[in-house]
Structures are given as structure tokens and as C-alpha cells.
Amino acid sequence: MMEVGRVCVKIAGRDSGNLAIVVDKPEGLFVLIDGNVRRKKCNIKHLEPTEQKIDVKAKASTEDVLAAMKKAGLEVKQRTVSKKEKKKSEKPKRKRKTKVKEEKPKKEKKASKK
């Protein structure tokens, strides 16, 4: 039942309630999913398959999966940008605090008597 292209609903975890597409079936009880969820390996016990199936190749890229979902008339959620994709903004350099040295009057040494 869990073949490549099967539309499923994620029922457990942080992405529960979102649509997922089976992208690859690597081994046993696990499948690779993508779509309105993060692309990751998922236990099939955490997925509820629907009757729909879309045409995607095995190990298709995320862009291909989202395009196929739009073509099939499925809702595609806007993805957030991951930390890796964000450009690192330059922080202003912190200036080190320096103490201002005040000149103290030097004590005069008394001449020793010999």
C-alpha cells in the first residue's frame, strides 16, 4: 500500500495533520516522505494513507514533489527557511572597553644620607 507517490496524512509527531508524499521506500517499516512536512525517514505506523496517488519519481527533489502536489490540486503550505539557508548577518564588532589611565604624580624619592 505504501508505494512511491502515495499521498498520506502524518498522524504523529511535530508535523501531524499535514500532507506527506511517499518519495522512497528504503527498508521494512520506514519510508522517505516529503511535501508539507520536513523531508525525512518516517515509520509507516505514523502515516495514514489516502486513496490519492500522484506521479513522482523515486527520490524526487522537494521542488518536484511540491510541483506535483500543486498539479494534483493539493494544498501546498509555505515552507520556512532553514537555518542553513539563512544568510548570516554580520554582527557589529564589539569594541573592547579600555580603561583610561590617569597620570598620577610620581613621588619623589628622598635622597639617602650616607
PDB file of N, CA and C in Angstrom:
ATOM      1  N   MET A   1       0.818  -1.196   0.000  1.00  0.00           N
ATOM      2  CA  MET A   1       0.000   0.000   0.000  1.00  0.00           C
ATOM      3  C   MET A   1       0.865   1.265   0.000  1.00  0.00           C
ATOM      4  N   MET A   2       2.028   1.209   0.637  1.00  0.00           N
ATOM      5  CA  MET A   2       2.904   2.387   0.696  1.00  0.00           C
ATOM      6  C   MET A   2       3.897   2.362  -0.461  1.00  0.00           C
ATOM      7  N   GLU A   3       3.470   2.827  -1.618  1.00  0.00           N
ATOM      8  CA  GLU A   3       4.368   2.888  -2.759  1.00  0.00           C
ATOM      9  C   GLU A   3       4.735   4.342  -3.032  1.00  0.00           C
ATOM     10  N   VAL A   4       5.711   4.556  -3.881  1.00  0.00           N
ATOM     11  CA  VAL A   4       6.168   5.904  -4.211  1.00  0.00           C
ATOM     12  C   VAL A   4       5.036   6.686  -4.862  1.00  0.00           C
ATOM     13  N   GLY A   5       4.777   7.889  -4.334  1.00  0.00           N
ATOM     14  CA  GLY A   5       3.726   8.752  -4.859  1.00  0.00           C
ATOM     15  C   GLY A   5       2.446   8.718  -4.054  1.00  0.00           C
ATOM     16  N   ARG A   6       2.348   7.847  -3.077  1.00  0.00           N
ATOM     17  CA  ARG A   6       1.133   7.748  -2.257  1.00  0.00           C
ATOM     18  C   ARG A   6       1.006   8.990  -1.373  1.00  0.00           C
ATOM     19  N   VAL A   7      -0.174   9.594  -1.356  1.00  0.00           N
ATOM     20  CA  VAL A   7      -0.447  10.749  -0.504  1.00  0.00           C
ATOM     21  C   VAL A   7      -0.897  10.222   0.852  1.00  0.00           C
ATOM     22  N   CYS A   8      -0.274  10.737   1.913  1.00  0.00           N
ATOM     23  CA  CYS A   8      -0.578  10.291   3.265  1.00  0.00           C
ATOM     24  C   CYS A   8      -0.798  11.499   4.168  1.00  0.00           C
ATOM     25  N   VAL A   9      -1.383  11.252   5.312  1.00  0.00           N
ATOM     26  CA  VAL A   9      -1.524  12.264   6.348  1.00  0.00           C
ATOM     27  C   VAL A   9      -0.655  11.818   7.516  1.00  0.00           C
ATOM     28  N   LYS A  10       0.189  12.709   7.976  1.00  0.00           N
ATOM     29  CA  LYS A  10       1.066  12.404   9.113  1.00  0.00           C
ATOM     30  C   LYS A  10       0.217  12.462  10.369  1.00  0.00           C
ATOM     31  N   ILE A  11       0.217  11.401  11.182  1.00  0.00           N
ATOM     32  CA  ILE A  11      -0.655  11.360  12.356  1.00  0.00           C
ATOM     33  C   ILE A  11       0.099  11.432  13.672  1.00  0.00           C
ATOM     34  N   ALA A  12       1.416  11.480  13.631  1.00  0.00           N
ATOM     35  CA  ALA A  12       2.188  11.554  14.868  1.00  0.00           C
ATOM     36  C   ALA A  12       3.361  12.496  14.680  1.00  0.00           C
ATOM     37  N   GLY A  13       3.791  13.113  15.765  1.00  0.00           N
ATOM     38  CA  GLY A  13       4.979  13.955  15.716  1.00  0.00           C
ATOM     39  C   GLY A  13       4.659  15.411  15.464  1.00  0.00           C
ATOM     40  N   ARG A  14       5.706  16.167  15.269  1.00  0.00           N
ATOM     41  CA  ARG A  14       5.600  17.620  15.124  1.00  0.00           C
ATOM     42  C   ARG A  14       4.833  18.015  13.859  1.00  0.00           C
ATOM     43  N   ASP A  15       4.877  17.208  12.815  1.00  0.00           N
ATOM     44  CA  ASP A  15       4.206  17.528  11.559  1.00  0.00           C
ATOM     45  C   ASP A  15       2.836  16.870  11.439  1.00  0.00           C
ATOM     46  N   SER A  16       2.246  16.441  12.533  1.00  0.00           N
ATOM     47  CA  SER A  16       0.981  15.711  12.468  1.00  0.00           C
ATOM     48  C   SER A  16      -0.117  16.588  11.876  1.00  0.00           C
ATOM     49  N   GLY A  17      -0.969  15.956  11.079  1.00  0.00           N
ATOM     50  CA  GLY A  17      -2.068  16.658  10.425  1.00  0.00           C
ATOM     51  C   GLY A  17      -1.722  17.211   9.057  1.00  0.00           C
ATOM     52  N   ASN A  18      -0.472  17.108   8.650  1.00  0.00           N
ATOM     53  CA  ASN A  18      -0.044  17.638   7.354  1.00  0.00           C
ATOM     54  C   ASN A  18       0.036  16.537   6.305  1.00  0.00           C
ATOM     55  N   LEU A  19      -0.096  16.962   5.039  1.00  0.00           N
ATOM     56  CA  LEU A  19       0.007  16.010   3.932  1.00  0.00           C
ATOM     57  C   LEU A  19       1.460  15.673   3.645  1.00  0.00           C
ATOM     58  N   ALA A  20       1.699  14.413   3.359  1.00  0.00           N
ATOM     59  CA  ALA A  20       3.039  13.946   3.025  1.00  0.00           C
ATOM     60  C   ALA A  20       2.943  13.034   1.808  1.00  0.00           C
ATOM     61  N   ILE A  21       3.978  13.051   1.007  1.00  0.00           N
ATOM     62  CA  ILE A  21       4.060  12.191  -0.172  1.00  0.00           C
ATOM     63  C   ILE A  21       5.197  11.198   0.052  1.00  0.00           C
ATOM     64  N   VAL A  22       4.940   9.937  -0.221  1.00  0.00           N
ATOM     65  CA  VAL A  22       5.989   8.917  -0.100  1.00  0.00           C
ATOM     66  C   VAL A  22       6.930   9.083  -1.287  1.00  0.00           C
ATOM     67  N   VAL A  23       8.212   9.322  -0.990  1.00  0.00           N
ATOM     68  CA  VAL A  23       9.201   9.577  -2.034  1.00  0.00           C
ATOM     69  C   VAL A  23      10.067   8.347  -2.293  1.00  0.00           C
ATOM     70  N   ASP A  24      10.286   7.541  -1.263  1.00  0.00           N
ATOM     71  CA  ASP A  24      11.128   6.355  -1.419  1.00  0.00           C
ATOM     72  C   ASP A  24      10.772   5.352  -0.329  1.00  0.00           C
ATOM     73  N   LYS A  25      10.946   4.080  -0.627  1.00  0.00           N
ATOM     74  CA  LYS A  25      10.715   3.025   0.359  1.00  0.00           C
ATOM     75  C   LYS A  25      12.027   2.280   0.566  1.00  0.00           C
ATOM     76  N   PRO A  26      12.876   2.797   1.472  1.00  0.00           N
ATOM     77  CA  PRO A  26      14.202   2.212   1.621  1.00  0.00           C
ATOM     78  C   PRO A  26      14.226   0.846   2.288  1.00  0.00           C
ATOM     79  N   GLU A  27      13.471   0.637   3.382  1.00  0.00           N
ATOM     80  CA  GLU A  27      13.565  -0.628   4.094  1.00  0.00           C
ATOM     81  C   GLU A  27      12.363  -0.850   4.990  1.00  0.00           C
ATOM     82  N   GLY A  28      11.988  -2.069   5.192  1.00  0.00           N
ATOM     83  CA  GLY A  28      10.984  -2.508   6.153  1.00  0.00           C
ATOM     84  C   GLY A  28       9.822  -1.566   6.428  1.00  0.00           C
ATOM     85  N   LEU A  29       9.727  -1.112   7.660  1.00  0.00           N
ATOM     86  CA  LEU A  29       8.608  -0.292   8.106  1.00  0.00           C
ATOM     87  C   LEU A  29       8.803   1.202   7.881  1.00  0.00           C
ATOM     88  N   PHE A  30       9.873   1.597   7.231  1.00  0.00           N
ATOM     89  CA  PHE A  30      10.152   3.012   7.067  1.00  0.00           C
ATOM     90  C   PHE A  30      10.039   3.446   5.610  1.00  0.00           C
ATOM     91  N   VAL A  31       9.604   4.703   5.414  1.00  0.00           N
ATOM     92  CA  VAL A  31       9.542   5.309   4.088  1.00  0.00           C
ATOM     93  C   VAL A  31      10.116   6.720   4.184  1.00  0.00           C
ATOM     94  N   LEU A  32      10.560   7.252   3.061  1.00  0.00           N
ATOM     95  CA  LEU A  32      11.038   8.623   2.989  1.00  0.00           C
ATOM     96  C   LEU A  32       9.871   9.485   2.529  1.00  0.00           C
ATOM     97  N   ILE A  33       9.547  10.535   3.307  1.00  0.00           N
ATOM     98  CA  ILE A  33       8.401  11.378   2.974  1.00  0.00           C
ATOM     99  C   ILE A  33       8.841  12.815   2.718  1.00  0.00           C
ATOM    100  N   ASP A  34       8.001  13.545   2.000  1.00  0.00           N
ATOM    101  CA  ASP A  34       8.236  14.958   1.708  1.00  0.00           C
ATOM    102  C   ASP A  34       6.885  15.583   1.399  1.00  0.00           C
ATOM    103  N   GLY A  35       6.840  16.884   1.259  1.00  0.00           N
ATOM    104  CA  GLY A  35       5.591  17.585   0.961  1.00  0.00           C
ATOM    105  C   GLY A  35       5.407  18.729   1.923  1.00  0.00           C
ATOM    106  N   ASN A  36       4.277  18.731   2.655  1.00  0.00           N
ATOM    107  CA  ASN A  36       4.028  19.772   3.650  1.00  0.00           C
ATOM    108  C   ASN A  36       4.694  19.440   4.982  1.00  0.00           C
ATOM    109  N   VAL A  37       5.582  18.504   4.964  1.00  0.00           N
ATOM    110  CA  VAL A  37       6.343  18.098   6.149  1.00  0.00           C
ATOM    111  C   VAL A  37       7.828  18.191   5.823  1.00  0.00           C
ATOM    112  N   ARG A  38       8.631  18.057   6.852  1.00  0.00           N
ATOM    113  CA  ARG A  38      10.081  18.037   6.616  1.00  0.00           C
ATOM    114  C   ARG A  38      10.447  16.726   5.929  1.00  0.00           C
ATOM    115  N   ARG A  39      11.368  16.768   4.989  1.00  0.00           N
ATOM    116  CA  ARG A  39      11.795  15.566   4.272  1.00  0.00           C
ATOM    117  C   ARG A  39      12.582  14.701   5.239  1.00  0.00           C
ATOM    118  N   LYS A  40      12.056  13.508   5.519  1.00  0.00           N
ATOM    119  CA  LYS A  40      12.727  12.624   6.460  1.00  0.00           C
ATOM    120  C   LYS A  40      12.200  11.207   6.365  1.00  0.00           C
ATOM    121  N   LYS A  41      12.923  10.307   7.004  1.00  0.00           N
ATOM    122  CA  LYS A  41      12.511   8.916   7.076  1.00  0.00           C
ATOM    123  C   LYS A  41      11.458   8.811   8.164  1.00  0.00           C
ATOM    124  N   CYS A  42      10.372   8.103   7.877  1.00  0.00           N
ATOM    125  CA  CYS A  42       9.240   8.051   8.796  1.00  0.00           C
ATOM    126  C   CYS A  42       8.710   6.622   8.898  1.00  0.00           C
ATOM    127  N   ASN A  43       8.294   6.245  10.079  1.00  0.00           N
ATOM    128  CA  ASN A  43       7.681   4.941  10.304  1.00  0.00           C
ATOM    129  C   ASN A  43       6.293   4.941   9.666  1.00  0.00           C
ATOM    130  N   ILE A  44       5.919   3.861   8.986  1.00  0.00           N
ATOM    131  CA  ILE A  44       4.618   3.820   8.315  1.00  0.00           C
ATOM    132  C   ILE A  44       3.467   3.779   9.319  1.00  0.00           C
ATOM    133  N   LYS A  45       3.760   3.450  10.579  1.00  0.00           N
ATOM    134  CA  LYS A  45       2.733   3.477  11.619  1.00  0.00           C
ATOM    135  C   LYS A  45       2.327   4.911  11.950  1.00  0.00           C
ATOM    136  N   HIS A  46       3.154   5.888  11.576  1.00  0.00           N
ATOM    137  CA  HIS A  46       2.862   7.293  11.836  1.00  0.00           C
ATOM    138  C   HIS A  46       2.180   7.969  10.648  1.00  0.00           C
ATOM    139  N   LEU A  47       1.823   7.185   9.630  1.00  0.00           N
ATOM    140  CA  LEU A  47       1.184   7.723   8.428  1.00  0.00           C
ATOM    141  C   LEU A  47      -0.165   7.053   8.200  1.00  0.00           C
ATOM    142  N   GLU A  48      -1.103   7.847   7.699  1.00  0.00           N
ATOM    143  CA  GLU A  48      -2.393   7.296   7.306  1.00  0.00           C
ATOM    144  C   GLU A  48      -2.528   7.493   5.802  1.00  0.00           C
ATOM    145  N   PRO A  49      -2.461   6.416   5.015  1.00  0.00           N
ATOM    146  CA  PRO A  49      -2.519   6.569   3.561  1.00  0.00           C
ATOM    147  C   PRO A  49      -3.922   6.977   3.098  1.00  0.00           C
ATOM    148  N   THR A  50      -3.971   7.781   2.034  1.00  0.00           N
ATOM    149  CA  THR A  50      -5.243   8.153   1.422  1.00  0.00           C
ATOM    150  C   THR A  50      -5.364   7.392   0.108  1.00  0.00           C
ATOM    151  N   GLU A  51      -6.480   7.587  -0.575  1.00  0.00           N
ATOM    152  CA  GLU A  51      -6.681   6.899  -1.845  1.00  0.00           C
ATOM    153  C   GLU A  51      -5.915   7.558  -2.976  1.00  0.00           C
ATOM    154  N   GLN A  52      -5.490   8.811  -2.793  1.00  0.00           N
ATOM    155  CA  GLN A  52      -4.817   9.547  -3.862  1.00  0.00           C
ATOM    156  C   GLN A  52      -3.380   9.071  -4.040  1.00  0.00           C
ATOM    157  N   LYS A  53      -2.951   9.164  -5.292  1.00  0.00           N
ATOM    158  CA  LYS A  53      -1.568   8.872  -5.637  1.00  0.00           C
ATOM    159  C   LYS A  53      -1.174   9.867  -6.729  1.00  0.00           C
ATOM    160  N   ILE A  54       0.015  10.436  -6.608  1.00  0.00           N
ATOM    161  CA  ILE A  54       0.479  11.374  -7.624  1.00  0.00           C
ATOM    162  C   ILE A  54       1.725  10.801  -8.291  1.00  0.00           C
ATOM    163  N   ASP A  55       2.018  11.314  -9.473  1.00  0.00           N
ATOM    164  CA  ASP A  55       3.169  10.821 -10.227  1.00  0.00           C
ATOM    165  C   ASP A  55       4.431  11.576  -9.827  1.00  0.00           C
ATOM    166  N   VAL A  56       5.292  10.911  -9.099  1.00  0.00           N
ATOM    167  CA  VAL A  56       6.620  11.433  -8.780  1.00  0.00           C
ATOM    168  C   VAL A  56       7.605  10.280  -8.923  1.00  0.00           C
ATOM    169  N   LYS A  57       8.805  10.632  -9.298  1.00  0.00           N
ATOM    170  CA  LYS A  57       9.848   9.627  -9.413  1.00  0.00           C
ATOM    171  C   LYS A  57      10.373   9.271  -8.030  1.00  0.00           C
ATOM    172  N   ALA A  58      10.969   8.114  -7.905  1.00  0.00           N
ATOM    173  CA  ALA A  58      11.598   7.725  -6.642  1.00  0.00           C
ATOM    174  C   ALA A  58      12.739   8.690  -6.346  1.00  0.00           C
ATOM    175  N   LYS A  59      12.841   9.100  -5.104  1.00  0.00           N
ATOM    176  CA  LYS A  59      13.859  10.047  -4.626  1.00  0.00           C
ATOM    177  C   LYS A  59      13.774  11.401  -5.333  1.00  0.00           C
ATOM    178  N   ALA A  60      12.559  11.840  -5.672  1.00  0.00           N
ATOM    179  CA  ALA A  60      12.363  13.133  -6.324  1.00  0.00           C
ATOM    180  C   ALA A  60      12.725  14.257  -5.356  1.00  0.00           C
ATOM    181  N   SER A  61      13.153  15.389  -5.912  1.00  0.00           N
ATOM    182  CA  SER A  61      13.530  16.530  -5.080  1.00  0.00           C
ATOM    183  C   SER A  61      12.280  17.171  -4.472  1.00  0.00           C
ATOM    184  N   THR A  62      12.488  17.996  -3.482  1.00  0.00           N
ATOM    185  CA  THR A  62      11.377  18.671  -2.811  1.00  0.00           C
ATOM    186  C   THR A  62      10.607  19.556  -3.781  1.00  0.00           C
ATOM    187  N   GLU A  63      11.328  20.252  -4.668  1.00  0.00           N
ATOM    188  CA  GLU A  63      10.666  21.116  -5.636  1.00  0.00           C
ATOM    189  C   GLU A  63       9.757  20.310  -6.554  1.00  0.00           C
ATOM    190  N   ASP A  64      10.214  19.129  -6.986  1.00  0.00           N
ATOM    191  CA  ASP A  64       9.401  18.271  -7.850  1.00  0.00           C
ATOM    192  C   ASP A  64       8.143  17.789  -7.126  1.00  0.00           C
ATOM    193  N   VAL A  65       8.291  17.443  -5.855  1.00  0.00           N
ATOM    194  CA  VAL A  65       7.158  16.953  -5.065  1.00  0.00           C
ATOM    195  C   VAL A  65       6.122  18.061  -4.882  1.00  0.00           C
ATOM    196  N   LEU A  66       6.579  19.277  -4.553  1.00  0.00           N
ATOM    197  CA  LEU A  66       5.647  20.388  -4.359  1.00  0.00           C
ATOM    198  C   LEU A  66       4.942  20.763  -5.662  1.00  0.00           C
ATOM    199  N   ALA A  67       5.668  20.705  -6.785  1.00  0.00           N
ATOM    200  CA  ALA A  67       5.061  20.988  -8.088  1.00  0.00           C
ATOM    201  C   ALA A  67       3.997  19.940  -8.422  1.00  0.00           C
ATOM    202  N   ALA A  68       4.273  18.674  -8.126  1.00  0.00           N
ATOM    203  CA  ALA A  68       3.304  17.602  -8.387  1.00  0.00           C
ATOM    204  C   ALA A  68       2.069  17.755  -7.498  1.00  0.00           C
ATOM    205  N   MET A  69       2.267  18.237  -6.266  1.00  0.00           N
ATOM    206  CA  MET A  69       1.127  18.460  -5.366  1.00  0.00           C
ATOM    207  C   MET A  69       0.234  19.579  -5.892  1.00  0.00           C
ATOM    208  N   LYS A  70       0.851  20.649  -6.394  1.00  0.00           N
ATOM    209  CA  LYS A  70       0.060  21.750  -6.962  1.00  0.00           C
ATOM    210  C   LYS A  70      -0.719  21.280  -8.183  1.00  0.00           C
ATOM    211  N   LYS A  71      -0.038  20.482  -9.007  1.00  0.00           N
ATOM    212  CA  LYS A  71      -0.670  19.982 -10.231  1.00  0.00           C
ATOM    213  C   LYS A  71      -1.865  19.083  -9.910  1.00  0.00           C
ATOM    214  N   ALA A  72      -1.754  18.321  -8.809  1.00  0.00           N
ATOM    215  CA  ALA A  72      -2.834  17.418  -8.413  1.00  0.00           C
ATOM    216  C   ALA A  72      -3.944  18.140  -7.651  1.00  0.00           C
ATOM    217  N   GLY A  73      -3.741  19.428  -7.374  1.00  0.00           N
ATOM    218  CA  GLY A  73      -4.771  20.204  -6.681  1.00  0.00           C
ATOM    219  C   GLY A  73      -4.718  20.077  -5.172  1.00  0.00           C
ATOM    220  N   LEU A  74      -3.597  19.629  -4.634  1.00  0.00           N
ATOM    221  CA  LEU A  74      -3.439  19.516  -3.182  1.00  0.00           C
ATOM    222  C   LEU A  74      -2.894  20.823  -2.620  1.00  0.00           C
ATOM    223  N   GLU A  75      -3.264  21.120  -1.390  1.00  0.00           N
ATOM    224  CA  GLU A  75      -2.810  22.346  -0.737  1.00  0.00           C
ATOM    225  C   GLU A  75      -1.320  22.235  -0.411  1.00  0.00           C
ATOM    226  N   VAL A  76      -0.584  23.265  -0.789  1.00  0.00           N
ATOM    227  CA  VAL A  76       0.844  23.313  -0.506  1.00  0.00           C
ATOM    228  C   VAL A  76       1.087  24.446   0.475  1.00  0.00           C
ATOM    229  N   LYS A  77       1.664  24.109   1.622  1.00  0.00           N
ATOM    230  CA  LYS A  77       1.940  25.122   2.640  1.00  0.00           C
ATOM    231  C   LYS A  77       3.267  25.796   2.347  1.00  0.00           C
ATOM    232  N   GLN A  78       3.351  27.058   2.730  1.00  0.00           N
ATOM    233  CA  GLN A  78       4.597  27.815   2.553  1.00  0.00           C
ATOM    234  C   GLN A  78       5.632  27.267   3.525  1.00  0.00           C
ATOM    235  N   ARG A  79       6.809  26.991   3.017  1.00  0.00           N
ATOM    236  CA  ARG A  79       7.870  26.450   3.862  1.00  0.00           C
ATOM    237  C   ARG A  79       8.663  27.574   4.492  1.00  0.00           C
ATOM    238  N   THR A  80       9.158  27.319   5.673  1.00  0.00           N
ATOM    239  CA  THR A  80      10.031  28.277   6.338  1.00  0.00           C
ATOM    240  C   THR A  80      11.464  28.003   5.908  1.00  0.00           C
ATOM    241  N   VAL A  81      12.266  29.013   5.984  1.00  0.00           N
ATOM    242  CA  VAL A  81      13.664  28.886   5.574  1.00  0.00           C
ATOM    243  C   VAL A  81      14.452  28.241   6.700  1.00  0.00           C
ATOM    244  N   SER A  82      15.230  27.234   6.359  1.00  0.00           N
ATOM    245  CA  SER A  82      16.014  26.551   7.384  1.00  0.00           C
ATOM    246  C   SER A  82      17.211  27.398   7.795  1.00  0.00           C
ATOM    247  N   LYS A  83      17.817  27.021   8.884  1.00  0.00           N
ATOM    248  CA  LYS A  83      18.961  27.761   9.401  1.00  0.00           C
ATOM    249  C   LYS A  83      20.118  27.750   8.412  1.00  0.00           C
ATOM    250  N   LYS A  84      20.271  26.660   7.687  1.00  0.00           N
ATOM    251  CA  LYS A  84      21.371  26.554   6.723  1.00  0.00           C
ATOM    252  C   LYS A  84      21.181  27.517   5.554  1.00  0.00           C
ATOM    253  N   GLU A  85      19.910  27.738   5.172  1.00  0.00           N
ATOM    254  CA  GLU A  85      19.631  28.580   4.021  1.00  0.00           C
ATOM    255  C   GLU A  85      19.678  30.070   4.349  1.00  0.00           C
ATOM    256  N   LYS A  86      19.527  30.407   5.629  1.00  0.00           N
ATOM    257  CA  LYS A  86      19.558  31.809   6.012  1.00  0.00           C
ATOM    258  C   LYS A  86      20.972  32.345   5.849  1.00  0.00           C
ATOM    259  N   LYS A  87      21.048  33.551   5.367  1.00  0.00           N
ATOM    260  CA  LYS A  87      22.361  34.177   5.268  1.00  0.00           C
ATOM    261  C   LYS A  87      22.701  34.735   6.630  1.00  0.00           C
ATOM    262  N   LYS A  88      23.913  34.550   6.978  1.00  0.00           N
ATOM    263  CA  LYS A  88      24.347  35.009   8.283  1.00  0.00           C
ATOM    264  C   LYS A  88      24.573  36.511   8.214  1.00  0.00           C
ATOM    265  N   SER A  89      23.834  37.233   9.010  1.00  0.00           N
ATOM    266  CA  SER A  89      24.016  38.682   9.023  1.00  0.00           C
ATOM    267  C   SER A  89      25.224  39.009   9.888  1.00  0.00           C
ATOM    268  N   GLU A  90      25.939  40.006   9.450  1.00  0.00           N
ATOM    269  CA  GLU A  90      27.132  40.366  10.184  1.00  0.00           C
ATOM    270  C   GLU A  90      26.751  41.154  11.421  1.00  0.00           C
ATOM    271  N   LYS A  91      27.299  40.747  12.517  1.00  0.00           N
ATOM    272  CA  LYS A  91      27.055  41.453  13.757  1.00  0.00           C
ATOM    273  C   LYS A  91      28.050  42.599  13.852  1.00  0.00           C
ATOM    274  N   PRO A  92      27.627  43.696  14.436  1.00  0.00           N
ATOM    275  CA  PRO A  92      28.602  44.762  14.615  1.00  0.00           C
ATOM    276  C   PRO A  92      29.687  44.308  15.578  1.00  0.00           C
ATOM    277  N   LYS A  93      30.898  44.667  15.251  1.00  0.00           N
ATOM    278  CA  LYS A  93      32.002  44.245  16.100  1.00  0.00           C
ATOM    279  C   LYS A  93      31.938  45.004  17.412  1.00  0.00           C
ATOM    280  N   ARG A  94      32.139  44.264  18.457  1.00  0.00           N
ATOM    281  CA  ARG A  94      32.099  44.850  19.773  1.00  0.00           C
ATOM    282  C   ARG A  94      33.447  45.450  20.093  1.00  0.00           C
ATOM    283  N   LYS A  95      33.410  46.673  20.543  1.00  0.00           N
ATOM    284  CA  LYS A  95      34.669  47.313  20.894  1.00  0.00           C
ATOM    285  C   LYS A  95      34.995  46.968  22.335  1.00  0.00           C
ATOM    286  N   ARG A  96      36.220  46.691  22.536  1.00  0.00           N
ATOM    287  CA  ARG A  96      36.671  46.332  23.864  1.00  0.00           C
ATOM    288  C   ARG A  96      36.782  47.591  24.718  1.00  0.00           C
ATOM    289  N   LYS A  97      36.282  47.493  25.907  1.00  0.00           N
ATOM    290  CA  LYS A  97      36.376  48.637  26.796  1.00  0.00           C
ATOM    291  C   LYS A  97      37.819  48.775  27.267  1.00  0.00           C
ATOM    292  N   THR A  98      38.321  49.972  27.192  1.00  0.00           N
ATOM    293  CA  THR A  98      39.677  50.211  27.667  1.00  0.00           C
ATOM    294  C   THR A  98      39.614  51.232  28.781  1.00  0.00           C
ATOM    295  N   LYS A  99      40.409  50.989  29.762  1.00  0.00           N
ATOM    296  CA  LYS A  99      40.448  51.916  30.878  1.00  0.00           C
ATOM    297  C   LYS A  99      41.387  53.059  30.532  1.00  0.00           C
ATOM    298  N   VAL A 100      40.942  54.229  30.855  1.00  0.00           N
ATOM    299  CA  VAL A 100      41.774  55.403  30.619  1.00  0.00           C
ATOM    300  C   VAL A 100      42.663  55.567  31.848  1.00  0.00           C
ATOM    301  N   LYS A 101      43.933  55.528  31.604  1.00  0.00           N
ATOM    302  CA  LYS A 101      44.870  55.639  32.718  1.00  0.00           C
ATOM    303  C   LYS A 101      45.123  57.114  33.003  1.00  0.00           C
ATOM    304  N   GLU A 102      44.911  57.454  34.251  1.00  0.00           N
ATOM    305  CA  GLU A 102      45.195  58.822  34.665  1.00  0.00           C
ATOM    306  C   GLU A 102      46.631  58.864  35.164  1.00  0.00           C
ATOM    307  N   GLU A 103      47.298  59.899  34.792  1.00  0.00           N
ATOM    308  CA  GLU A 103      48.690  60.012  35.241  1.00  0.00           C
ATOM    309  C   GLU A 103      48.712  60.527  36.665  1.00  0.00           C
ATOM    310  N   LYS A 104      49.317  59.753  37.501  1.00  0.00           N
ATOM    311  CA  LYS A 104      49.441  60.141  38.895  1.00  0.00           C
ATOM    312  C   LYS A 104      50.788  60.839  39.072  1.00  0.00           C
ATOM    313  N   PRO A 105      50.788  61.823  39.887  1.00  0.00           N
ATOM    314  CA  PRO A 105      52.089  62.466  40.120  1.00  0.00           C
ATOM    315  C   PRO A 105      53.031  61.479  40.788  1.00  0.00           C
ATOM    316  N   LYS A 106      54.212  61.419  40.259  1.00  0.00           N
ATOM    317  CA  LYS A 106      55.194  60.481  40.785  1.00  0.00           C
ATOM    318  C   LYS A 106      55.753  61.023  42.095  1.00  0.00           C
ATOM    319  N   LYS A 107      55.945  60.111  43.016  1.00  0.00           N
ATOM    320  CA  LYS A 107      56.527  60.514  44.297  1.00  0.00           C
ATOM    321  C   LYS A 107      58.023  60.652  44.102  1.00  0.00           C
ATOM    322  N   GLU A 108      58.525  61.700  44.636  1.00  0.00           N
ATOM    323  CA  GLU A 108      59.956  61.911  44.533  1.00  0.00           C
ATOM    324  C   GLU A 108      60.671  61.102  45.593  1.00  0.00           C
ATOM    325  N   LYS A 109      61.716  60.494  45.206  1.00  0.00           N
ATOM    326  CA  LYS A 109      62.476  59.704  46.156  1.00  0.00           C
ATOM    327  C   LYS A 109      63.381  60.624  46.942  1.00  0.00           C
ATOM    328  N   LYS A 110      63.419  60.381  48.195  1.00  0.00           N
ATOM    329  CA  LYS A 110      64.289  61.173  49.031  1.00  0.00           C
ATOM    330  C   LYS A 110      65.708  60.665  48.859  1.00  0.00           C
ATOM    331  N   ALA A 111      66.576  61.552  48.821  1.00  0.00           N
ATOM    332  CA  ALA A 111      67.978  61.179  48.688  1.00  0.00           C
ATOM    333  C   ALA A 111      68.424  60.534  50.011  1.00  0.00           C
ATOM    334  N   SER A 112      69.046  59.442  49.896  1.00  0.00           N
ATOM    335  CA  SER A 112      69.503  58.758  51.108  1.00  0.00           C
ATOM    336  C   SER A 112      70.776  59.412  51.635  1.00  0.00           C
ATOM    337  N   LYS A 113      70.891  59.453  52.930  1.00  0.00           N
ATOM    338  CA  LYS A 113      72.060  60.056  53.553  1.00  0.00           C
ATOM    339  C   LYS A 113      73.098  58.996  53.821  1.00  0.00           C
ATOM    340  N   LYS A 114      74.319  59.272  53.434  1.00  0.00           N
ATOM    341  CA  LYS A 114      75.391  58.325  53.707  1.00  0.00           C
ATOM    342  C   LYS A 114      76.449  58.969  54.472  1.00  0.00           C
TER     343      LYS A 114
END
